[in-house]
Amino acid sequence: MKKLINHLSNEKGIILPYLFFMILFLFLILTMVISLGMQSLESVATEKETKQIYYGAEAGLETVYALVRQYAEQDESEKLQGQALLAFLRPKLVPFQLYKESSKPITVTVKLAVVNRVSGNTIVSYLVITSLARSSDGRGEHELEAKLSLTKPPAGWSSLSYMELRSKYDIVF
């Protein structure tokens, strides 16, 4: 092999520059592949960040749940009025941030809606809570949606629980 390279480089003078540029080209391709691999690793949220985003969405739901129980126990009626409850909740539910001290805080936004459904001869009202937690760098978000009945449970307002909990997670690439 050495004899062939020496023979061709002495004869033509082409092989050595060709080998030099081929090695340089392979080095550049390898550098690009490593660089792209590192970028893709950095663009995906880690397991810890994913859990923090979920806990952020859960914190939004729990905040509303605690406020609804507080309101219901003060109201002491058998059925909560949806619009009055919304008027009580909305000023208290501004977007908030979790993990402020970390380099990647999570913003939590809560949306509320009252839904009325006819069940037999009665109208059943629900408070639909949508809690959206989003990472500050935009790499992931988690949405939790739950329903709370606005009718007093048989065991009292302290036994109020979620109905139809729905979870949706998006990773942004």
N, C-alpha and C. Protein backbone atom coordinates (compact mmCIF):
# COMPACT_ATOMS: atom_id res chain seq x y z
N MET A 1 0.83 -1.19 0.00
CA MET A 1 0.00 0.00 0.00
C MET A 1 0.88 1.26 0.00
N LYS A 2 1.93 1.24 0.87
CA LYS A 2 2.84 2.39 0.91
C LYS A 2 3.52 2.60 -0.43
N LYS A 3 3.90 1.49 -1.04
CA LYS A 3 4.56 1.59 -2.34
C LYS A 3 3.63 2.21 -3.37
N LEU A 4 2.36 1.82 -3.30
CA LEU A 4 1.38 2.36 -4.25
C LEU A 4 1.20 3.86 -4.04
N ILE A 5 1.08 4.28 -2.77
CA ILE A 5 0.91 5.71 -2.47
C ILE A 5 2.15 6.48 -2.89
N ASN A 6 3.34 5.96 -2.56
CA ASN A 6 4.58 6.63 -2.97
C ASN A 6 4.69 6.71 -4.48
N HIS A 7 4.35 5.63 -5.13
CA HIS A 7 4.43 5.60 -6.59
C HIS A 7 3.48 6.63 -7.21
N LEU A 8 2.21 6.64 -6.72
CA LEU A 8 1.23 7.57 -7.29
C LEU A 8 1.55 9.02 -6.93
N SER A 9 1.99 9.25 -5.70
CA SER A 9 2.29 10.63 -5.32
C SER A 9 3.52 11.16 -6.05
N ASN A 10 4.47 10.29 -6.29
CA ASN A 10 5.65 10.72 -7.05
C ASN A 10 5.32 10.92 -8.52
N GLU A 11 4.45 10.03 -9.02
CA GLU A 11 4.12 10.09 -10.44
C GLU A 11 3.15 11.24 -10.73
N LYS A 12 2.09 11.27 -9.99
CA LYS A 12 1.02 12.22 -10.31
C LYS A 12 1.01 13.43 -9.39
N GLY A 13 1.42 13.24 -8.14
CA GLY A 13 1.38 14.34 -7.19
C GLY A 13 -0.04 14.66 -6.73
N ILE A 14 -0.96 13.72 -6.88
CA ILE A 14 -2.37 13.96 -6.59
C ILE A 14 -2.82 13.31 -5.28
N ILE A 15 -2.32 12.18 -4.94
CA ILE A 15 -2.83 11.38 -3.84
C ILE A 15 -2.70 12.08 -2.49
N LEU A 16 -1.58 12.66 -2.16
CA LEU A 16 -1.41 13.29 -0.85
C LEU A 16 -2.40 14.44 -0.63
N PRO A 17 -2.56 15.37 -1.55
CA PRO A 17 -3.59 16.40 -1.33
C PRO A 17 -4.99 15.80 -1.24
N TYR A 18 -5.24 14.76 -2.03
CA TYR A 18 -6.55 14.11 -2.00
C TYR A 18 -6.80 13.49 -0.63
N LEU A 19 -5.82 12.78 -0.08
CA LEU A 19 -5.96 12.18 1.24
C LEU A 19 -6.13 13.25 2.32
N PHE A 20 -5.39 14.33 2.22
CA PHE A 20 -5.49 15.41 3.18
C PHE A 20 -6.91 15.99 3.20
N PHE A 21 -7.47 16.28 2.03
CA PHE A 21 -8.82 16.84 1.96
C PHE A 21 -9.88 15.82 2.36
N MET A 22 -9.65 14.55 2.08
CA MET A 22 -10.59 13.51 2.49
C MET A 22 -10.63 13.40 4.01
N ILE A 23 -9.49 13.43 4.66
CA ILE A 23 -9.43 13.37 6.12
C ILE A 23 -10.07 14.63 6.72
N LEU A 24 -9.81 15.78 6.16
CA LEU A 24 -10.41 17.03 6.62
C LEU A 24 -11.93 16.97 6.48
N PHE A 25 -12.42 16.47 5.36
CA PHE A 25 -13.86 16.35 5.11
C PHE A 25 -14.50 15.41 6.14
N LEU A 26 -13.90 14.27 6.40
CA LEU A 26 -14.43 13.33 7.38
C LEU A 26 -14.43 13.94 8.79
N PHE A 27 -13.40 14.70 9.11
CA PHE A 27 -13.34 15.38 10.40
C PHE A 27 -14.48 16.39 10.54
N LEU A 28 -14.76 17.15 9.49
CA LEU A 28 -15.85 18.13 9.52
C LEU A 28 -17.21 17.44 9.68
N ILE A 29 -17.41 16.35 8.97
CA ILE A 29 -18.67 15.61 9.09
C ILE A 29 -18.83 15.07 10.51
N LEU A 30 -17.79 14.50 11.07
CA LEU A 30 -17.84 13.98 12.43
C LEU A 30 -18.15 15.10 13.42
N THR A 31 -17.55 16.26 13.25
CA THR A 31 -17.80 17.41 14.12
C THR A 31 -19.27 17.84 14.03
N MET A 32 -19.82 17.87 12.83
CA MET A 32 -21.23 18.25 12.65
C MET A 32 -22.16 17.24 13.31
N VAL A 33 -21.89 15.97 13.16
CA VAL A 33 -22.74 14.93 13.76
C VAL A 33 -22.73 15.05 15.28
N ILE A 34 -21.56 15.23 15.86
CA ILE A 34 -21.46 15.38 17.31
C ILE A 34 -22.19 16.64 17.76
N SER A 35 -22.05 17.73 17.04
CA SER A 35 -22.71 18.98 17.38
C SER A 35 -24.23 18.84 17.32
N LEU A 36 -24.76 18.21 16.28
CA LEU A 36 -26.20 18.02 16.18
C LEU A 36 -26.71 17.10 17.27
N GLY A 37 -25.96 16.09 17.60
CA GLY A 37 -26.34 15.18 18.68
C GLY A 37 -26.44 15.90 20.01
N MET A 38 -25.52 16.78 20.28
CA MET A 38 -25.54 17.53 21.53
C MET A 38 -26.72 18.49 21.57
N GLN A 39 -27.04 19.12 20.43
CA GLN A 39 -28.18 20.03 20.39
C GLN A 39 -29.48 19.28 20.63
N SER A 40 -29.63 18.09 20.05
CA SER A 40 -30.87 17.34 20.24
C SER A 40 -30.99 16.88 21.69
N LEU A 41 -29.89 16.57 22.35
CA LEU A 41 -29.96 16.19 23.75
C LEU A 41 -30.38 17.37 24.62
N GLU A 42 -29.95 18.56 24.27
CA GLU A 42 -30.29 19.74 25.05
C GLU A 42 -31.71 20.21 24.81
N SER A 43 -32.34 19.83 23.69
CA SER A 43 -33.67 20.35 23.37
C SER A 43 -34.79 19.54 24.02
N VAL A 44 -34.49 18.38 24.58
CA VAL A 44 -35.51 17.55 25.20
C VAL A 44 -35.46 17.76 26.71
N ALA A 45 -36.63 17.92 27.31
CA ALA A 45 -36.69 18.11 28.75
C ALA A 45 -36.25 16.83 29.46
N THR A 46 -35.52 17.00 30.55
CA THR A 46 -35.06 15.84 31.31
C THR A 46 -36.22 15.27 32.12
N GLU A 47 -36.01 14.11 32.70
CA GLU A 47 -37.06 13.48 33.50
C GLU A 47 -37.41 14.36 34.71
N LYS A 48 -36.41 14.96 35.31
CA LYS A 48 -36.65 15.85 36.46
C LYS A 48 -37.47 17.06 36.03
N GLU A 49 -37.12 17.66 34.88
CA GLU A 49 -37.88 18.81 34.39
C GLU A 49 -39.31 18.41 34.04
N THR A 50 -39.48 17.23 33.47
CA THR A 50 -40.82 16.74 33.13
C THR A 50 -41.68 16.60 34.38
N LYS A 51 -41.10 16.06 35.45
CA LYS A 51 -41.83 15.92 36.71
C LYS A 51 -42.17 17.29 37.28
N GLN A 52 -41.23 18.23 37.21
CA GLN A 52 -41.49 19.56 37.74
C GLN A 52 -42.62 20.24 36.97
N ILE A 53 -42.67 20.04 35.67
CA ILE A 53 -43.74 20.62 34.87
C ILE A 53 -45.08 20.01 35.27
N TYR A 54 -45.11 18.69 35.45
CA TYR A 54 -46.35 18.02 35.89
C TYR A 54 -46.78 18.54 37.25
N TYR A 55 -45.83 18.63 38.19
CA TYR A 55 -46.16 19.13 39.52
C TYR A 55 -46.67 20.57 39.47
N GLY A 56 -46.17 21.34 38.52
CA GLY A 56 -46.67 22.70 38.34
C GLY A 56 -48.13 22.71 37.94
N ALA A 57 -48.49 21.85 36.98
CA ALA A 57 -49.89 21.76 36.56
C ALA A 57 -50.76 21.26 37.72
N GLU A 58 -50.24 20.31 38.47
CA GLU A 58 -50.96 19.78 39.62
C GLU A 58 -51.16 20.87 40.68
N ALA A 59 -50.17 21.72 40.86
CA ALA A 59 -50.28 22.82 41.83
C ALA A 59 -51.39 23.78 41.44
N GLY A 60 -51.55 24.02 40.14
CA GLY A 60 -52.65 24.87 39.67
C GLY A 60 -54.00 24.28 40.02
N LEU A 61 -54.17 22.96 39.78
CA LEU A 61 -55.43 22.29 40.14
C LEU A 61 -55.69 22.34 41.64
N GLU A 62 -54.66 22.03 42.40
CA GLU A 62 -54.81 21.98 43.86
C GLU A 62 -55.15 23.36 44.44
N THR A 63 -54.62 24.41 43.83
CA THR A 63 -54.93 25.76 44.29
C THR A 63 -56.41 26.05 44.11
N VAL A 64 -56.94 25.74 42.93
CA VAL A 64 -58.36 25.96 42.67
C VAL A 64 -59.21 25.09 43.59
N TYR A 65 -58.82 23.84 43.74
CA TYR A 65 -59.56 22.90 44.60
C TYR A 65 -59.68 23.45 46.02
N ALA A 66 -58.58 23.94 46.56
CA ALA A 66 -58.59 24.49 47.93
C ALA A 66 -59.47 25.73 48.01
N LEU A 67 -59.41 26.58 47.00
CA LEU A 67 -60.25 27.79 47.00
C LEU A 67 -61.73 27.45 46.88
N VAL A 68 -62.07 26.45 46.06
CA VAL A 68 -63.48 26.05 45.91
C VAL A 68 -63.99 25.48 47.23
N ARG A 69 -63.20 24.63 47.88
CA ARG A 69 -63.63 24.09 49.18
C ARG A 69 -63.81 25.20 50.21
N GLN A 70 -62.89 26.17 50.22
CA GLN A 70 -63.01 27.30 51.14
C GLN A 70 -64.30 28.08 50.87
N TYR A 71 -64.56 28.36 49.61
CA TYR A 71 -65.77 29.10 49.21
C TYR A 71 -67.03 28.31 49.58
N ALA A 72 -67.03 27.00 49.30
CA ALA A 72 -68.20 26.17 49.55
C ALA A 72 -68.50 26.06 51.04
N GLU A 73 -67.47 25.94 51.86
CA GLU A 73 -67.69 25.83 53.30
C GLU A 73 -68.20 27.14 53.89
N GLN A 74 -67.84 28.28 53.29
CA GLN A 74 -68.36 29.57 53.74
C GLN A 74 -69.79 29.76 53.25
N ASP A 75 -70.09 29.28 52.05
CA ASP A 75 -71.41 29.47 51.44
C ASP A 75 -72.47 28.61 52.14
N GLU A 76 -72.13 27.39 52.49
CA GLU A 76 -72.98 26.44 53.20
C GLU A 76 -74.28 26.10 52.47
N SER A 77 -74.37 26.30 51.17
CA SER A 77 -75.58 25.92 50.44
C SER A 77 -75.38 24.54 49.82
N GLU A 78 -76.47 23.96 49.33
CA GLU A 78 -76.41 22.63 48.72
C GLU A 78 -75.84 22.67 47.31
N LYS A 79 -75.96 23.81 46.67
CA LYS A 79 -75.47 23.94 45.29
C LYS A 79 -74.81 25.31 45.13
N LEU A 80 -73.61 25.31 44.60
CA LEU A 80 -72.89 26.57 44.40
C LEU A 80 -73.36 27.24 43.11
N GLN A 81 -73.42 28.55 43.14
CA GLN A 81 -73.77 29.32 41.95
C GLN A 81 -72.50 29.53 41.13
N GLY A 82 -72.51 29.06 39.90
CA GLY A 82 -71.31 29.06 39.05
C GLY A 82 -70.70 30.42 38.83
N GLN A 83 -71.53 31.41 38.50
CA GLN A 83 -71.00 32.74 38.19
C GLN A 83 -70.44 33.42 39.44
N ALA A 84 -71.09 33.22 40.57
CA ALA A 84 -70.58 33.78 41.83
C ALA A 84 -69.24 33.13 42.20
N LEU A 85 -69.14 31.83 41.98
CA LEU A 85 -67.88 31.12 42.25
C LEU A 85 -66.76 31.63 41.34
N LEU A 86 -67.07 31.82 40.06
CA LEU A 86 -66.07 32.35 39.13
C LEU A 86 -65.62 33.75 39.54
N ALA A 87 -66.57 34.58 39.98
CA ALA A 87 -66.23 35.93 40.43
C ALA A 87 -65.31 35.88 41.65
N PHE A 88 -65.49 34.89 42.51
CA PHE A 88 -64.64 34.71 43.68
C PHE A 88 -63.24 34.22 43.28
N LEU A 89 -63.17 33.28 42.32
CA LEU A 89 -61.91 32.63 41.97
C LEU A 89 -61.01 33.45 41.06
N ARG A 90 -61.57 34.09 40.06
CA ARG A 90 -60.74 34.72 39.01
C ARG A 90 -59.72 35.73 39.54
N PRO A 91 -60.05 36.61 40.46
CA PRO A 91 -59.02 37.55 40.93
C PRO A 91 -57.86 36.86 41.66
N LYS A 92 -58.11 35.68 42.19
CA LYS A 92 -57.08 34.97 42.95
C LYS A 92 -56.18 34.11 42.08
N LEU A 93 -56.53 33.92 40.82
CA LEU A 93 -55.81 32.98 39.96
C LEU A 93 -55.03 33.66 38.85
N VAL A 94 -54.10 34.48 39.22
CA VAL A 94 -53.20 35.07 38.22
C VAL A 94 -52.10 34.05 37.94
N PRO A 95 -51.51 34.07 36.74
CA PRO A 95 -50.41 33.12 36.46
C PRO A 95 -49.30 33.27 37.50
N PHE A 96 -48.76 32.16 37.93
CA PHE A 96 -47.68 32.19 38.93
C PHE A 96 -46.53 31.32 38.47
N GLN A 97 -45.37 31.55 39.09
CA GLN A 97 -44.16 30.80 38.72
C GLN A 97 -43.72 29.91 39.87
N LEU A 98 -43.27 28.71 39.48
CA LEU A 98 -42.67 27.77 40.44
C LEU A 98 -41.19 27.66 40.14
N TYR A 99 -40.42 27.27 41.13
CA TYR A 99 -38.97 27.09 40.98
C TYR A 99 -38.30 28.38 40.49
N LYS A 100 -38.68 29.50 41.07
CA LYS A 100 -38.12 30.79 40.65
C LYS A 100 -36.61 30.85 40.81
N GLU A 101 -36.10 30.16 41.84
CA GLU A 101 -34.66 30.21 42.10
C GLU A 101 -33.86 29.39 41.10
N SER A 102 -34.50 28.49 40.38
CA SER A 102 -33.76 27.67 39.41
C SER A 102 -33.58 28.46 38.11
N SER A 103 -32.76 27.92 37.25
CA SER A 103 -32.52 28.59 35.97
C SER A 103 -33.67 28.40 35.00
N LYS A 104 -34.59 27.48 35.32
CA LYS A 104 -35.71 27.19 34.44
C LYS A 104 -37.02 27.21 35.22
N PRO A 105 -37.54 28.40 35.54
CA PRO A 105 -38.81 28.45 36.26
C PRO A 105 -39.96 27.95 35.38
N ILE A 106 -41.05 27.57 36.02
CA ILE A 106 -42.22 27.04 35.33
C ILE A 106 -43.38 27.99 35.59
N THR A 107 -44.05 28.41 34.53
CA THR A 107 -45.20 29.30 34.65
C THR A 107 -46.47 28.47 34.61
N VAL A 108 -47.36 28.72 35.58
CA VAL A 108 -48.62 27.98 35.67
C VAL A 108 -49.77 28.95 35.43
N THR A 109 -50.64 28.58 34.50
CA THR A 109 -51.82 29.38 34.18
C THR A 109 -53.05 28.50 34.38
N VAL A 110 -54.08 29.06 35.01
CA VAL A 110 -55.30 28.31 35.28
C VAL A 110 -56.46 28.98 34.56
N LYS A 111 -57.26 28.16 33.85
CA LYS A 111 -58.47 28.65 33.18
C LYS A 111 -59.67 27.96 33.80
N LEU A 112 -60.76 28.70 33.90
CA LEU A 112 -61.97 28.17 34.53
C LEU A 112 -63.17 28.33 33.61
N ALA A 113 -64.11 27.40 33.72
CA ALA A 113 -65.37 27.51 32.99
C ALA A 113 -66.43 26.75 33.77
N VAL A 114 -67.66 27.25 33.71
CA VAL A 114 -68.78 26.54 34.33
C VAL A 114 -69.58 25.90 33.20
N VAL A 115 -69.82 24.60 33.34
CA VAL A 115 -70.55 23.83 32.33
C VAL A 115 -71.82 23.28 32.97
N ASN A 116 -72.94 23.47 32.29
CA ASN A 116 -74.22 22.94 32.76
C ASN A 116 -74.64 21.79 31.86
N ARG A 117 -75.02 20.67 32.47
CA ARG A 117 -75.51 19.50 31.71
C ARG A 117 -76.86 19.09 32.25
N VAL A 118 -77.72 18.66 31.36
CA VAL A 118 -79.03 18.18 31.76
C VAL A 118 -78.93 16.68 32.02
N SER A 119 -79.33 16.28 33.20
CA SER A 119 -79.33 14.87 33.58
C SER A 119 -80.73 14.53 34.10
N GLY A 120 -81.53 13.91 33.24
CA GLY A 120 -82.92 13.64 33.60
C GLY A 120 -83.69 14.94 33.63
N ASN A 121 -84.28 15.25 34.78
CA ASN A 121 -85.05 16.50 34.93
C ASN A 121 -84.24 17.59 35.62
N THR A 122 -83.01 17.31 35.96
CA THR A 122 -82.21 18.30 36.69
C THR A 122 -81.03 18.80 35.86
N ILE A 123 -80.60 19.97 36.20
CA ILE A 123 -79.41 20.55 35.56
C ILE A 123 -78.25 20.38 36.53
N VAL A 124 -77.20 19.74 36.04
CA VAL A 124 -76.01 19.51 36.85
C VAL A 124 -74.92 20.48 36.39
N SER A 125 -74.34 21.19 37.32
CA SER A 125 -73.30 22.17 37.00
C SER A 125 -71.94 21.66 37.45
N TYR A 126 -70.93 21.93 36.61
CA TYR A 126 -69.55 21.54 36.90
C TYR A 126 -68.65 22.74 36.71
N LEU A 127 -67.61 22.79 37.50
CA LEU A 127 -66.54 23.75 37.28
C LEU A 127 -65.43 22.99 36.56
N VAL A 128 -65.10 23.43 35.35
CA VAL A 128 -64.02 22.80 34.59
C VAL A 128 -62.76 23.63 34.82
N ILE A 129 -61.73 22.98 35.34
CA ILE A 129 -60.46 23.64 35.67
C ILE A 129 -59.41 23.12 34.70
N THR A 130 -58.74 24.03 34.01
CA THR A 130 -57.64 23.65 33.13
C THR A 130 -56.39 24.34 33.64
N SER A 131 -55.43 23.54 34.05
CA SER A 131 -54.17 24.06 34.57
C SER A 131 -53.06 23.74 33.58
N LEU A 132 -52.38 24.77 33.11
CA LEU A 132 -51.32 24.60 32.12
C LEU A 132 -49.99 25.07 32.72
N ALA A 133 -49.04 24.16 32.79
CA ALA A 133 -47.69 24.48 33.28
C ALA A 133 -46.74 24.43 32.09
N ARG A 134 -45.95 25.48 31.93
CA ARG A 134 -45.04 25.57 30.78
C ARG A 134 -43.65 25.95 31.28
N SER A 135 -42.64 25.25 30.77
CA SER A 135 -41.27 25.58 31.15
C SER A 135 -40.87 26.90 30.51
N SER A 136 -40.00 27.63 31.18
CA SER A 136 -39.61 28.96 30.70
C SER A 136 -38.84 28.91 29.40
N ASP A 137 -38.15 27.80 29.15
CA ASP A 137 -37.40 27.70 27.90
C ASP A 137 -38.23 27.11 26.77
N GLY A 138 -39.51 26.82 27.03
CA GLY A 138 -40.41 26.35 25.99
C GLY A 138 -40.21 24.91 25.57
N ARG A 139 -39.48 24.13 26.36
CA ARG A 139 -39.20 22.75 25.94
C ARG A 139 -40.31 21.78 26.30
N GLY A 140 -41.21 22.15 27.16
CA GLY A 140 -42.28 21.23 27.53
C GLY A 140 -43.42 21.94 28.23
N GLU A 141 -44.60 21.34 28.12
CA GLU A 141 -45.75 21.85 28.85
C GLU A 141 -46.65 20.68 29.21
N HIS A 142 -47.37 20.85 30.31
CA HIS A 142 -48.29 19.81 30.77
C HIS A 142 -49.60 20.48 31.10
N GLU A 143 -50.69 19.88 30.61
CA GLU A 143 -52.02 20.42 30.86
C GLU A 143 -52.83 19.38 31.62
N LEU A 144 -53.42 19.80 32.72
CA LEU A 144 -54.32 18.94 33.47
C LEU A 144 -55.70 19.59 33.46
N GLU A 145 -56.70 18.79 33.22
CA GLU A 145 -58.07 19.30 33.23
C GLU A 145 -58.90 18.43 34.14
N ALA A 146 -59.70 19.04 34.99
CA ALA A 146 -60.53 18.30 35.92
C ALA A 146 -61.88 18.99 36.05
N LYS A 147 -62.86 18.23 36.49
CA LYS A 147 -64.19 18.78 36.74
C LYS A 147 -64.51 18.62 38.22
N LEU A 148 -65.14 19.65 38.76
CA LEU A 148 -65.65 19.60 40.12
C LEU A 148 -67.15 19.85 40.05
N SER A 149 -67.92 19.01 40.72
CA SER A 149 -69.36 19.21 40.76
C SER A 149 -69.67 20.39 41.66
N LEU A 150 -70.65 21.18 41.27
CA LEU A 150 -71.04 22.32 42.10
C LEU A 150 -72.19 21.96 43.04
N THR A 151 -72.51 20.67 43.11
CA THR A 151 -73.54 20.16 44.02
C THR A 151 -72.83 19.53 45.22
N LYS A 152 -73.36 19.80 46.40
CA LYS A 152 -72.74 19.31 47.63
C LYS A 152 -72.75 17.77 47.67
N PRO A 153 -71.58 17.16 47.90
CA PRO A 153 -71.53 15.69 48.02
C PRO A 153 -72.28 15.24 49.29
N PRO A 154 -72.75 13.98 49.32
CA PRO A 154 -73.49 13.49 50.51
C PRO A 154 -72.69 13.62 51.81
N ALA A 155 -71.38 13.47 51.75
CA ALA A 155 -70.56 13.55 52.97
C ALA A 155 -70.15 14.99 53.29
N GLY A 156 -70.61 15.96 52.54
CA GLY A 156 -70.27 17.35 52.80
C GLY A 156 -69.20 17.88 51.86
N TRP A 157 -68.98 19.18 51.92
CA TRP A 157 -68.03 19.83 51.00
C TRP A 157 -66.60 19.36 51.22
N SER A 158 -66.28 18.87 52.40
CA SER A 158 -64.91 18.41 52.66
C SER A 158 -64.58 17.15 51.86
N SER A 159 -65.59 16.45 51.34
CA SER A 159 -65.34 15.24 50.54
C SER A 159 -65.40 15.52 49.03
N LEU A 160 -65.37 16.77 48.66
CA LEU A 160 -65.40 17.15 47.24
C LEU A 160 -64.18 16.56 46.53
N SER A 161 -64.39 15.95 45.37
CA SER A 161 -63.26 15.36 44.64
C SER A 161 -63.42 15.60 43.14
N TYR A 162 -62.29 15.45 42.44
CA TYR A 162 -62.27 15.66 40.99
C TYR A 162 -63.05 14.58 40.26
N MET A 163 -63.58 14.97 39.13
CA MET A 163 -64.21 14.02 38.21
C MET A 163 -63.53 14.18 36.86
N GLU A 164 -63.35 13.10 36.14
CA GLU A 164 -62.83 13.14 34.77
C GLU A 164 -61.51 13.92 34.65
N LEU A 165 -60.52 13.48 35.37
CA LEU A 165 -59.20 14.10 35.29
C LEU A 165 -58.55 13.71 33.97
N ARG A 166 -58.09 14.70 33.22
CA ARG A 166 -57.45 14.47 31.92
C ARG A 166 -56.07 15.10 31.93
N SER A 167 -55.11 14.40 31.35
CA SER A 167 -53.72 14.87 31.35
C SER A 167 -53.18 14.86 29.94
N LYS A 168 -52.42 15.90 29.59
CA LYS A 168 -51.83 15.99 28.25
C LYS A 168 -50.46 16.63 28.38
N TYR A 169 -49.44 15.97 27.85
CA TYR A 169 -48.08 16.48 27.92
C TYR A 169 -47.53 16.67 26.53
N ASP A 170 -46.91 17.81 26.29
CA ASP A 170 -46.27 18.10 25.00
C ASP A 170 -44.82 18.44 25.22
N ILE A 171 -43.97 17.81 24.42
CA ILE A 171 -42.56 18.18 24.39
C ILE A 171 -42.36 18.99 23.13
N VAL A 172 -41.78 20.15 23.28
CA VAL A 172 -41.54 21.02 22.14
C VAL A 172 -40.11 20.82 21.67
N PHE A 173 -39.93 20.43 20.43
CA PHE A 173 -38.58 20.22 19.88
C PHE A 173 -38.12 21.44 19.15
